[in-house]
């Protein structure tokens, strides 16, 4: 593992420990207001400063990162599960089923993801469930195409021909041969989907359509800090924004490591 990828894995480990341990040590009152501490710049007492109503930006950022990582993980697993099932059925069944499912995928891809996501969350009250449903429904098509392509590739392999000649049923082919070979691609698709889901949740919360406004989420914090920028309180938006950017870069490095472990040939080709 290269130093850059060690750094990515270490960063993810530190962030995960922070979102697990800090909430256990510091209880956050979401409704707490302390106007005497409002707008304090970063200092030892408040390393990330305080917001316009006196709330500690560091503690709220960690709570917001916890929410964003949870929403991102659940939404990524849900979208890859939906897409994986569609791609598996399309690739294994072939024929009319394949053509029909791929036209459905094309239909979803023709819709603007953010606008379609806004339409979905508008049907619900602001909640984590609404955001997860929005991300899962708008982002499953990528996994569907990846899985279908891999299944079509596997169908031409000699071991699949041998299994068909031996009388294996289609279900047995899927469970015994397709799913084990698809596991690395599904894992990689899930890892890559997590930062995308985090950005989607942040965008919806920033627009006031994601999580409830009083909850500590990175999108809500950036939206709240936007009003303080004119007063010179840059920290209210900067630090939550960094906690979106850092996990994204770290997860990208982790995804490259998973890809190289799953298929070392890619790494050798890149080194040429």
C-alpha atoms as a PDB file:
ATOM      1  CA  UNK A   1       0.000   0.000   0.000  1.00  0.00           C
ATOM      2  CA  UNK A   2       1.418   3.376  -1.024  1.00  0.00           C
ATOM      3  CA  UNK A   3       1.891   6.188   1.539  1.00  0.00           C
ATOM      4  CA  UNK A   4      -0.993   8.106  -0.001  1.00  0.00           C
ATOM      5  CA  UNK A   5      -3.353   5.197   0.456  1.00  0.00           C
ATOM      6  CA  UNK A   6      -2.107   4.628   4.001  1.00  0.00           C
ATOM      7  CA  UNK A   7      -2.954   8.265   4.644  1.00  0.00           C
ATOM      8  CA  UNK A   8      -6.426   7.750   3.174  1.00  0.00           C
ATOM      9  CA  UNK A   9      -7.097   4.692   5.333  1.00  0.00           C
ATOM     10  CA  UNK A  10      -5.712   6.461   8.412  1.00  0.00           C
ATOM     11  CA  UNK A  11      -7.888   9.507   7.759  1.00  0.00           C
ATOM     12  CA  UNK A  12     -10.996   7.367   7.478  1.00  0.00           C
ATOM     13  CA  UNK A  13     -10.066   5.556  10.699  1.00  0.00           C
ATOM     14  CA  UNK A  14      -9.592   8.854  12.560  1.00  0.00           C
ATOM     15  CA  UNK A  15     -12.910  10.232  11.289  1.00  0.00           C
ATOM     16  CA  UNK A  16     -14.771   7.052  12.228  1.00  0.00           C
ATOM     17  CA  UNK A  17     -13.250   7.079  15.716  1.00  0.00           C
ATOM     18  CA  UNK A  18     -14.182  10.751  16.094  1.00  0.00           C
ATOM     19  CA  UNK A  19     -17.830  10.243  15.157  1.00  0.00           C
ATOM     20  CA  UNK A  20     -18.039   7.236  17.500  1.00  0.00           C
ATOM     21  CA  UNK A  21     -16.151   8.531  20.536  1.00  0.00           C
ATOM     22  CA  UNK A  22     -16.929  12.263  20.619  1.00  0.00           C
ATOM     23  CA  UNK A  23     -20.728  11.834  20.884  1.00  0.00           C
ATOM     24  CA  UNK A  24     -20.124   9.410  23.769  1.00  0.00           C
ATOM     25  CA  UNK A  25     -17.989  11.983  25.593  1.00  0.00           C
ATOM     26  CA  UNK A  26     -19.894  15.168  24.710  1.00  0.00           C
ATOM     27  CA  UNK A  27     -23.671  15.263  24.651  1.00  0.00           C
ATOM     28  CA  UNK A  28     -24.990  17.848  22.207  1.00  0.00           C
ATOM     29  CA  UNK A  29     -28.221  19.684  22.927  1.00  0.00           C
ATOM     30  CA  UNK A  30     -29.526  20.445  19.444  1.00  0.00           C
ATOM     31  CA  UNK A  31     -31.644  23.322  20.769  1.00  0.00           C
ATOM     32  CA  UNK A  32     -28.943  24.898  22.971  1.00  0.00           C
ATOM     33  CA  UNK A  33     -28.453  28.650  22.501  1.00  0.00           C
ATOM     34  CA  UNK A  34     -25.727  30.654  24.294  1.00  0.00           C
ATOM     35  CA  UNK A  35     -25.730  34.187  22.955  1.00  0.00           C
ATOM     36  CA  UNK A  36     -22.893  35.179  25.304  1.00  0.00           C
ATOM     37  CA  UNK A  37     -20.590  32.894  23.276  1.00  0.00           C
ATOM     38  CA  UNK A  38     -21.996  33.772  19.857  1.00  0.00           C
ATOM     39  CA  UNK A  39     -19.577  34.340  16.988  1.00  0.00           C
ATOM     40  CA  UNK A  40     -16.345  33.464  18.806  1.00  0.00           C
ATOM     41  CA  UNK A  41     -13.379  32.917  16.501  1.00  0.00           C
ATOM     42  CA  UNK A  42     -11.306  29.701  16.734  1.00  0.00           C
ATOM     43  CA  UNK A  43      -9.468  29.489  20.066  1.00  0.00           C
ATOM     44  CA  UNK A  44      -8.282  26.732  22.442  1.00  0.00           C
ATOM     45  CA  UNK A  45     -11.657  26.709  24.191  1.00  0.00           C
ATOM     46  CA  UNK A  46     -13.462  26.366  20.840  1.00  0.00           C
ATOM     47  CA  UNK A  47     -10.987  25.087  18.188  1.00  0.00           C
ATOM     48  CA  UNK A  48     -13.508  25.597  15.368  1.00  0.00           C
ATOM     49  CA  UNK A  49     -15.102  28.685  16.927  1.00  0.00           C
ATOM     50  CA  UNK A  50     -18.803  29.127  17.663  1.00  0.00           C
ATOM     51  CA  UNK A  51     -21.734  29.910  15.389  1.00  0.00           C
ATOM     52  CA  UNK A  52     -24.142  32.839  15.428  1.00  0.00           C
ATOM     53  CA  UNK A  53     -26.071  31.496  18.437  1.00  0.00           C
ATOM     54  CA  UNK A  54     -23.086  30.324  20.479  1.00  0.00           C
ATOM     55  CA  UNK A  55     -22.960  26.625  19.562  1.00  0.00           C
ATOM     56  CA  UNK A  56     -19.542  24.947  19.358  1.00  0.00           C
ATOM     57  CA  UNK A  57     -18.743  24.385  15.674  1.00  0.00           C
ATOM     58  CA  UNK A  58     -16.320  21.498  16.322  1.00  0.00           C
ATOM     59  CA  UNK A  59     -18.809  19.416  18.287  1.00  0.00           C
ATOM     60  CA  UNK A  60     -21.627  20.166  15.877  1.00  0.00           C
ATOM     61  CA  UNK A  61     -19.359  19.353  12.902  1.00  0.00           C
ATOM     62  CA  UNK A  62     -18.538  15.932  14.334  1.00  0.00           C
ATOM     63  CA  UNK A  63     -22.210  15.256  14.999  1.00  0.00           C
ATOM     64  CA  UNK A  64     -22.961  16.444  11.472  1.00  0.00           C
ATOM     65  CA  UNK A  65     -20.265  14.184  10.047  1.00  0.00           C
ATOM     66  CA  UNK A  66     -21.787  11.272  11.984  1.00  0.00           C
ATOM     67  CA  UNK A  67     -25.157  11.947  10.381  1.00  0.00           C
ATOM     68  CA  UNK A  68     -23.637  12.408   6.922  1.00  0.00           C
ATOM     69  CA  UNK A  69     -21.578   9.205   7.106  1.00  0.00           C
ATOM     70  CA  UNK A  70     -24.576   7.224   8.347  1.00  0.00           C
ATOM     71  CA  UNK A  71     -26.844   8.594   5.636  1.00  0.00           C
ATOM     72  CA  UNK A  72     -24.131   8.106   3.013  1.00  0.00           C
ATOM     73  CA  UNK A  73     -23.457   4.494   4.018  1.00  0.00           C
ATOM     74  CA  UNK A  74     -27.126   3.478   4.180  1.00  0.00           C
ATOM     75  CA  UNK A  75     -27.959   5.266   0.924  1.00  0.00           C
ATOM     76  CA  UNK A  76     -24.941   3.748  -0.841  1.00  0.00           C
ATOM     77  CA  UNK A  77     -25.833   0.216   0.272  1.00  0.00           C
ATOM     78  CA  UNK A  78     -29.468   0.733  -0.744  1.00  0.00           C
ATOM     79  CA  UNK A  79     -28.644   2.143  -4.192  1.00  0.00           C
ATOM     80  CA  UNK A  80     -26.026  -0.551  -4.953  1.00  0.00           C
ATOM     81  CA  UNK A  81     -28.448  -3.265  -3.780  1.00  0.00           C
ATOM     82  CA  UNK A  82     -31.193  -1.985  -6.083  1.00  0.00           C
ATOM     83  CA  UNK A  83     -28.825  -1.495  -9.007  1.00  0.00           C
ATOM     84  CA  UNK A  84     -27.097  -4.823  -8.391  1.00  0.00           C
ATOM     85  CA  UNK A  85     -30.372  -6.740  -8.472  1.00  0.00           C
ATOM     86  CA  UNK A  86     -31.523  -4.994 -11.650  1.00  0.00           C
ATOM     87  CA  UNK A  87     -28.173  -5.530 -13.386  1.00  0.00           C
ATOM     88  CA  UNK A  88     -27.994  -9.160 -12.262  1.00  0.00           C
ATOM     89  CA  UNK A  89     -31.476  -9.947 -13.556  1.00  0.00           C
ATOM     90  CA  UNK A  90     -30.848  -8.111 -16.815  1.00  0.00           C
ATOM     91  CA  UNK A  91     -27.509  -9.791 -17.470  1.00  0.00           C
ATOM     92  CA  UNK A  92     -28.542 -13.293 -16.385  1.00  0.00           C
ATOM     93  CA  UNK A  93     -31.952 -13.313 -18.082  1.00  0.00           C
ATOM     94  CA  UNK A  94     -30.988 -11.585 -21.331  1.00  0.00           C
ATOM     95  CA  UNK A  95     -33.471 -11.153 -24.158  1.00  0.00           C
ATOM     96  CA  UNK A  96     -36.597  -9.108 -23.589  1.00  0.00           C
ATOM     97  CA  UNK A  97     -35.981  -8.720 -19.833  1.00  0.00           C
ATOM     98  CA  UNK A  98     -32.538  -7.264 -20.483  1.00  0.00           C
ATOM     99  CA  UNK A  99     -33.820  -4.795 -23.068  1.00  0.00           C
ATOM    100  CA  UNK A 100     -36.740  -3.708 -20.871  1.00  0.00           C
ATOM    101  CA  UNK A 101     -34.618  -3.161 -17.757  1.00  0.00           C
ATOM    102  CA  UNK A 102     -31.968  -1.246 -19.691  1.00  0.00           C
ATOM    103  CA  UNK A 103     -34.628   1.063 -21.098  1.00  0.00           C
ATOM    104  CA  UNK A 104     -35.781   1.707 -17.536  1.00  0.00           C
ATOM    105  CA  UNK A 105     -32.173   2.511 -16.619  1.00  0.00           C
ATOM    106  CA  UNK A 106     -31.933   4.896 -19.588  1.00  0.00           C
ATOM    107  CA  UNK A 107     -35.150   6.575 -18.468  1.00  0.00           C
ATOM    108  CA  UNK A 108     -33.797   7.195 -14.970  1.00  0.00           C
ATOM    109  CA  UNK A 109     -30.464   8.418 -16.350  1.00  0.00           C
ATOM    110  CA  UNK A 110     -32.268  10.999 -18.488  1.00  0.00           C
ATOM    111  CA  UNK A 111     -33.628  12.695 -15.355  1.00  0.00           C
ATOM    112  CA  UNK A 112     -31.529  15.390 -13.627  1.00  0.00           C
ATOM    113  CA  UNK A 113     -30.460  13.655 -10.406  1.00  0.00           C
ATOM    114  CA  UNK A 114     -30.591  16.677  -8.117  1.00  0.00           C
ATOM    115  CA  UNK A 115     -33.941  17.923  -9.393  1.00  0.00           C
ATOM    116  CA  UNK A 116     -35.407  14.431  -9.213  1.00  0.00           C
ATOM    117  CA  UNK A 117     -33.985  14.062  -5.705  1.00  0.00           C
ATOM    118  CA  UNK A 118     -35.579  17.364  -4.675  1.00  0.00           C
ATOM    119  CA  UNK A 119     -38.919  16.136  -6.033  1.00  0.00           C
ATOM    120  CA  UNK A 120     -38.632  12.938  -3.976  1.00  0.00           C
ATOM    121  CA  UNK A 121     -37.724  14.613  -0.672  1.00  0.00           C
ATOM    122  CA  UNK A 122     -40.502  17.155  -1.235  1.00  0.00           C
ATOM    123  CA  UNK A 123     -42.971  14.280  -0.909  1.00  0.00           C
ATOM    124  CA  UNK A 124     -41.843  13.632   2.678  1.00  0.00           C
ATOM    125  CA  UNK A 125     -41.208  15.640   5.809  1.00  0.00           C
ATOM    126  CA  UNK A 126     -37.491  16.510   6.261  1.00  0.00           C
ATOM    127  CA  UNK A 127     -35.837  13.366   7.649  1.00  0.00           C
ATOM    128  CA  UNK A 128     -32.943  10.971   7.137  1.00  0.00           C
ATOM    129  CA  UNK A 129     -35.336   8.467   5.575  1.00  0.00           C
ATOM    130  CA  UNK A 130     -36.346  10.958   2.886  1.00  0.00           C
ATOM    131  CA  UNK A 131     -32.703  11.671   2.036  1.00  0.00           C
ATOM    132  CA  UNK A 132     -31.790   7.974   1.885  1.00  0.00           C
ATOM    133  CA  UNK A 133     -34.748   7.230  -0.396  1.00  0.00           C
ATOM    134  CA  UNK A 134     -33.836  10.200  -2.598  1.00  0.00           C
ATOM    135  CA  UNK A 135     -30.222   9.072  -3.044  1.00  0.00           C
ATOM    136  CA  UNK A 136     -31.095   5.395  -3.522  1.00  0.00           C
ATOM    137  CA  UNK A 137     -33.768   6.076  -6.152  1.00  0.00           C
ATOM    138  CA  UNK A 138     -31.625   8.501  -8.154  1.00  0.00           C
ATOM    139  CA  UNK A 139     -28.262   6.702  -8.071  1.00  0.00           C
ATOM    140  CA  UNK A 140     -28.895   2.974  -8.546  1.00  0.00           C
ATOM    141  CA  UNK A 141     -28.458   3.051 -12.314  1.00  0.00           C
ATOM    142  CA  UNK A 142     -24.651   3.176 -12.237  1.00  0.00           C
ATOM    143  CA  UNK A 143     -24.452  -0.049 -10.227  1.00  0.00           C
ATOM    144  CA  UNK A 144     -27.017  -1.650 -12.557  1.00  0.00           C
ATOM    145  CA  UNK A 145     -24.876  -1.003 -15.642  1.00  0.00           C
ATOM    146  CA  UNK A 146     -21.680  -2.175 -13.941  1.00  0.00           C
ATOM    147  CA  UNK A 147     -23.240  -5.426 -12.731  1.00  0.00           C
ATOM    148  CA  UNK A 148     -24.934  -6.140 -16.062  1.00  0.00           C
ATOM    149  CA  UNK A 149     -21.654  -5.623 -17.913  1.00  0.00           C
ATOM    150  CA  UNK A 150     -19.822  -7.968 -15.548  1.00  0.00           C
ATOM    151  CA  UNK A 151     -22.535 -10.623 -15.824  1.00  0.00           C
ATOM    152  CA  UNK A 152     -22.433 -10.476 -19.621  1.00  0.00           C
ATOM    153  CA  UNK A 153     -18.666 -10.888 -19.438  1.00  0.00           C
ATOM    154  CA  UNK A 154     -18.971 -13.858 -17.082  1.00  0.00           C
ATOM    155  CA  UNK A 155     -21.520 -15.560 -19.334  1.00  0.00           C
ATOM    156  CA  UNK A 156     -18.815 -15.989 -21.961  1.00  0.00           C
ATOM    157  CA  UNK A 157     -16.315 -17.638 -19.612  1.00  0.00           C
ATOM    158  CA  UNK A 158     -15.470 -21.370 -20.057  1.00  0.00           C
ATOM    159  CA  UNK A 159     -16.488 -22.299 -16.504  1.00  0.00           C
ATOM    160  CA  UNK A 160     -19.965 -20.902 -17.125  1.00  0.00           C
ATOM    161  CA  UNK A 161     -20.276 -22.914 -20.351  1.00  0.00           C
ATOM    162  CA  UNK A 162     -19.173 -26.001 -18.424  1.00  0.00           C
ATOM    163  CA  UNK A 163     -21.757 -25.353 -15.718  1.00  0.00           C
ATOM    164  CA  UNK A 164     -24.507 -24.918 -18.310  1.00  0.00           C
ATOM    165  CA  UNK A 165     -23.439 -28.131 -20.030  1.00  0.00           C
ATOM    166  CA  UNK A 166     -23.600 -29.859 -16.656  1.00  0.00           C
ATOM    167  CA  UNK A 167     -27.244 -28.889 -16.258  1.00  0.00           C
ATOM    168  CA  UNK A 168     -26.907 -26.038 -13.716  1.00  0.00           C
ATOM    169  CA  UNK A 169     -30.095 -24.009 -13.313  1.00  0.00           C
ATOM    170  CA  UNK A 170     -30.092 -20.244 -13.834  1.00  0.00           C
ATOM    171  CA  UNK A 171     -30.539 -19.648 -10.089  1.00  0.00           C
ATOM    172  CA  UNK A 172     -27.586 -21.911  -9.292  1.00  0.00           C
ATOM    173  CA  UNK A 173     -25.500 -20.067 -11.866  1.00  0.00           C
ATOM    174  CA  UNK A 174     -26.308 -16.750 -10.192  1.00  0.00           C
ATOM    175  CA  UNK A 175     -25.603 -17.963  -6.648  1.00  0.00           C
ATOM    176  CA  UNK A 176     -22.605 -20.176  -7.396  1.00  0.00           C
ATOM    177  CA  UNK A 177     -20.757 -18.308 -10.145  1.00  0.00           C
ATOM    178  CA  UNK A 178     -22.033 -14.767 -10.704  1.00  0.00           C
ATOM    179  CA  UNK A 179     -22.373 -13.349  -7.175  1.00  0.00           C
ATOM    180  CA  UNK A 180     -18.916 -14.442  -5.902  1.00  0.00           C
ATOM    181  CA  UNK A 181     -17.275 -12.878  -8.957  1.00  0.00           C
ATOM    182  CA  UNK A 182     -19.346  -9.706  -8.606  1.00  0.00           C
ATOM    183  CA  UNK A 183     -18.451  -9.129  -4.934  1.00  0.00           C
ATOM    184  CA  UNK A 184     -15.357  -6.910  -5.599  1.00  0.00           C
ATOM    185  CA  UNK A 185     -17.263  -4.730  -8.061  1.00  0.00           C
ATOM    186  CA  UNK A 186     -20.204  -4.368  -5.679  1.00  0.00           C
ATOM    187  CA  UNK A 187     -17.888  -3.433  -2.809  1.00  0.00           C
ATOM    188  CA  UNK A 188     -16.076  -0.882  -4.956  1.00  0.00           C
ATOM    189  CA  UNK A 189     -19.367   0.600  -6.193  1.00  0.00           C
ATOM    190  CA  UNK A 190     -20.591   0.933  -2.590  1.00  0.00           C
ATOM    191  CA  UNK A 191     -17.403   2.651  -1.431  1.00  0.00           C
ATOM    192  CA  UNK A 192     -17.482   5.084  -4.357  1.00  0.00           C
ATOM    193  CA  UNK A 193     -21.158   5.815  -3.743  1.00  0.00           C
ATOM    194  CA  UNK A 194     -20.634   6.894  -0.104  1.00  0.00           C
ATOM    195  CA  UNK A 195     -19.016  10.321  -0.810  1.00  0.00           C
ATOM    196  CA  UNK A 196     -21.504  10.895  -3.619  1.00  0.00           C
ATOM    197  CA  UNK A 197     -24.361  10.254  -1.196  1.00  0.00           C
ATOM    198  CA  UNK A 198     -22.764  12.579   1.374  1.00  0.00           C
ATOM    199  CA  UNK A 199     -22.581  15.392  -1.184  1.00  0.00           C
ATOM    200  CA  UNK A 200     -26.180  14.722  -2.217  1.00  0.00           C
ATOM    201  CA  UNK A 201     -27.370  14.874   1.416  1.00  0.00           C
ATOM    202  CA  UNK A 202     -25.349  18.056   1.976  1.00  0.00           C
ATOM    203  CA  UNK A 203     -26.834  19.716  -1.100  1.00  0.00           C
ATOM    204  CA  UNK A 204     -30.394  18.848  -0.054  1.00  0.00           C
ATOM    205  CA  UNK A 205     -29.819  20.057   3.518  1.00  0.00           C
ATOM    206  CA  UNK A 206     -28.184  23.239   2.235  1.00  0.00           C
ATOM    207  CA  UNK A 207     -31.330  23.898   0.188  1.00  0.00           C
ATOM    208  CA  UNK A 208     -33.473  23.284   3.283  1.00  0.00           C
ATOM    209  CA  UNK A 209     -34.963  20.069   1.886  1.00  0.00           C
ATOM    210  CA  UNK A 210     -32.871  17.420   3.614  1.00  0.00           C
ATOM    211  CA  UNK A 211     -32.635  16.994   7.360  1.00  0.00           C
ATOM    212  CA  UNK A 212     -34.601  19.121   9.861  1.00  0.00           C
ATOM    213  CA  UNK A 213     -33.026  22.582  10.197  1.00  0.00           C
ATOM    214  CA  UNK A 214     -32.269  22.258  13.918  1.00  0.00           C
ATOM    215  CA  UNK A 215     -30.263  19.034  13.521  1.00  0.00           C
ATOM    216  CA  UNK A 216     -26.481  19.171  13.259  1.00  0.00           C
ATOM    217  CA  UNK A 217     -25.727  18.142   9.693  1.00  0.00           C
ATOM    218  CA  UNK A 218     -22.943  19.457   7.496  1.00  0.00           C
ATOM    219  CA  UNK A 219     -25.372  20.860   4.931  1.00  0.00           C
ATOM    220  CA  UNK A 220     -27.413  22.651   7.591  1.00  0.00           C
ATOM    221  CA  UNK A 221     -24.251  24.060   9.176  1.00  0.00           C
ATOM    222  CA  UNK A 222     -22.942  25.421   5.873  1.00  0.00           C
ATOM    223  CA  UNK A 223     -26.340  26.970   5.209  1.00  0.00           C
ATOM    224  CA  UNK A 224     -26.383  28.543   8.682  1.00  0.00           C
ATOM    225  CA  UNK A 225     -22.785  29.750   8.317  1.00  0.00           C
ATOM    226  CA  UNK A 226     -23.584  31.385   4.997  1.00  0.00           C
ATOM    227  CA  UNK A 227     -25.560  34.041   6.874  1.00  0.00           C
ATOM    228  CA  UNK A 228     -22.550  34.749   9.110  1.00  0.00           C
ATOM    229  CA  UNK A 229     -20.045  35.288   6.290  1.00  0.00           C
ATOM    230  CA  UNK A 230     -21.017  38.948   5.899  1.00  0.00           C
ATOM    231  CA  UNK A 231     -20.128  39.463   9.562  1.00  0.00           C
ATOM    232  CA  UNK A 232     -16.692  37.900   9.001  1.00  0.00           C
ATOM    233  CA  UNK A 233     -17.459  34.571  10.717  1.00  0.00           C
ATOM    234  CA  UNK A 234     -15.739  32.448   8.058  1.00  0.00           C
ATOM    235  CA  UNK A 235     -15.188  29.466  10.370  1.00  0.00           C
ATOM    236  CA  UNK A 236     -18.889  28.598  10.598  1.00  0.00           C
ATOM    237  CA  UNK A 237     -18.851  27.434   6.962  1.00  0.00           C
ATOM    238  CA  UNK A 238     -15.191  26.577   6.383  1.00  0.00           C
ATOM    239  CA  UNK A 239     -14.765  23.739   8.873  1.00  0.00           C
ATOM    240  CA  UNK A 240     -18.014  21.895   8.023  1.00  0.00           C
ATOM    241  CA  UNK A 241     -17.040  22.245   4.367  1.00  0.00           C
ATOM    242  CA  UNK A 242     -13.628  20.686   5.048  1.00  0.00           C
ATOM    243  CA  UNK A 243     -15.329  17.771   6.798  1.00  0.00           C
ATOM    244  CA  UNK A 244     -17.151  17.106   3.533  1.00  0.00           C
ATOM    245  CA  UNK A 245     -14.045  17.398   1.371  1.00  0.00           C
ATOM    246  CA  UNK A 246     -11.649  15.339   3.525  1.00  0.00           C
ATOM    247  CA  UNK A 247     -13.791  12.142   3.669  1.00  0.00           C
ATOM    248  CA  UNK A 248     -14.414  12.411  -0.071  1.00  0.00           C
ATOM    249  CA  UNK A 249     -10.690  12.437  -0.867  1.00  0.00           C
ATOM    250  CA  UNK A 250      -9.982   9.687   1.688  1.00  0.00           C
ATOM    251  CA  UNK A 251     -12.708   7.402   0.336  1.00  0.00           C
ATOM    252  CA  UNK A 252     -11.419   7.954  -3.203  1.00  0.00           C
ATOM    253  CA  UNK A 253      -7.981   6.746  -2.096  1.00  0.00           C
ATOM    254  CA  UNK A 254      -9.534   3.730  -0.360  1.00  0.00           C
ATOM    255  CA  UNK A 255     -11.529   2.908  -3.501  1.00  0.00           C
ATOM    256  CA  UNK A 256      -8.352   2.895  -5.599  1.00  0.00           C
ATOM    257  CA  UNK A 257      -6.763   0.478  -3.137  1.00  0.00           C
ATOM    258  CA  UNK A 258      -9.807  -1.828  -3.285  1.00  0.00           C
ATOM    259  CA  UNK A 259      -9.763  -1.678  -7.090  1.00  0.00           C
ATOM    260  CA  UNK A 260      -6.088  -2.622  -7.239  1.00  0.00           C
ATOM    261  CA  UNK A 261      -6.574  -5.496  -4.794  1.00  0.00           C
ATOM    262  CA  UNK A 262      -9.575  -6.747  -6.772  1.00  0.00           C
ATOM    263  CA  UNK A 263      -7.750  -6.557 -10.111  1.00  0.00           C
ATOM    264  CA  UNK A 264      -3.931  -6.178  -9.878  1.00  0.00           C
ATOM    265  CA  UNK A 265      -3.769  -5.971 -13.693  1.00  0.00           C
ATOM    266  CA  UNK A 266      -5.163  -2.421 -13.552  1.00  0.00           C
ATOM    267  CA  UNK A 267      -2.318  -1.384 -11.253  1.00  0.00           C
ATOM    268  CA  UNK A 268       0.319  -2.885 -13.572  1.00  0.00           C
ATOM    269  CA  UNK A 269      -1.219  -1.179 -16.592  1.00  0.00           C
ATOM    270  CA  UNK A 270      -1.194   2.192 -14.828  1.00  0.00           C
ATOM    271  CA  UNK A 271       2.472   1.724 -13.958  1.00  0.00           C
ATOM    272  CA  UNK A 272       3.499   1.323 -17.603  1.00  0.00           C
END
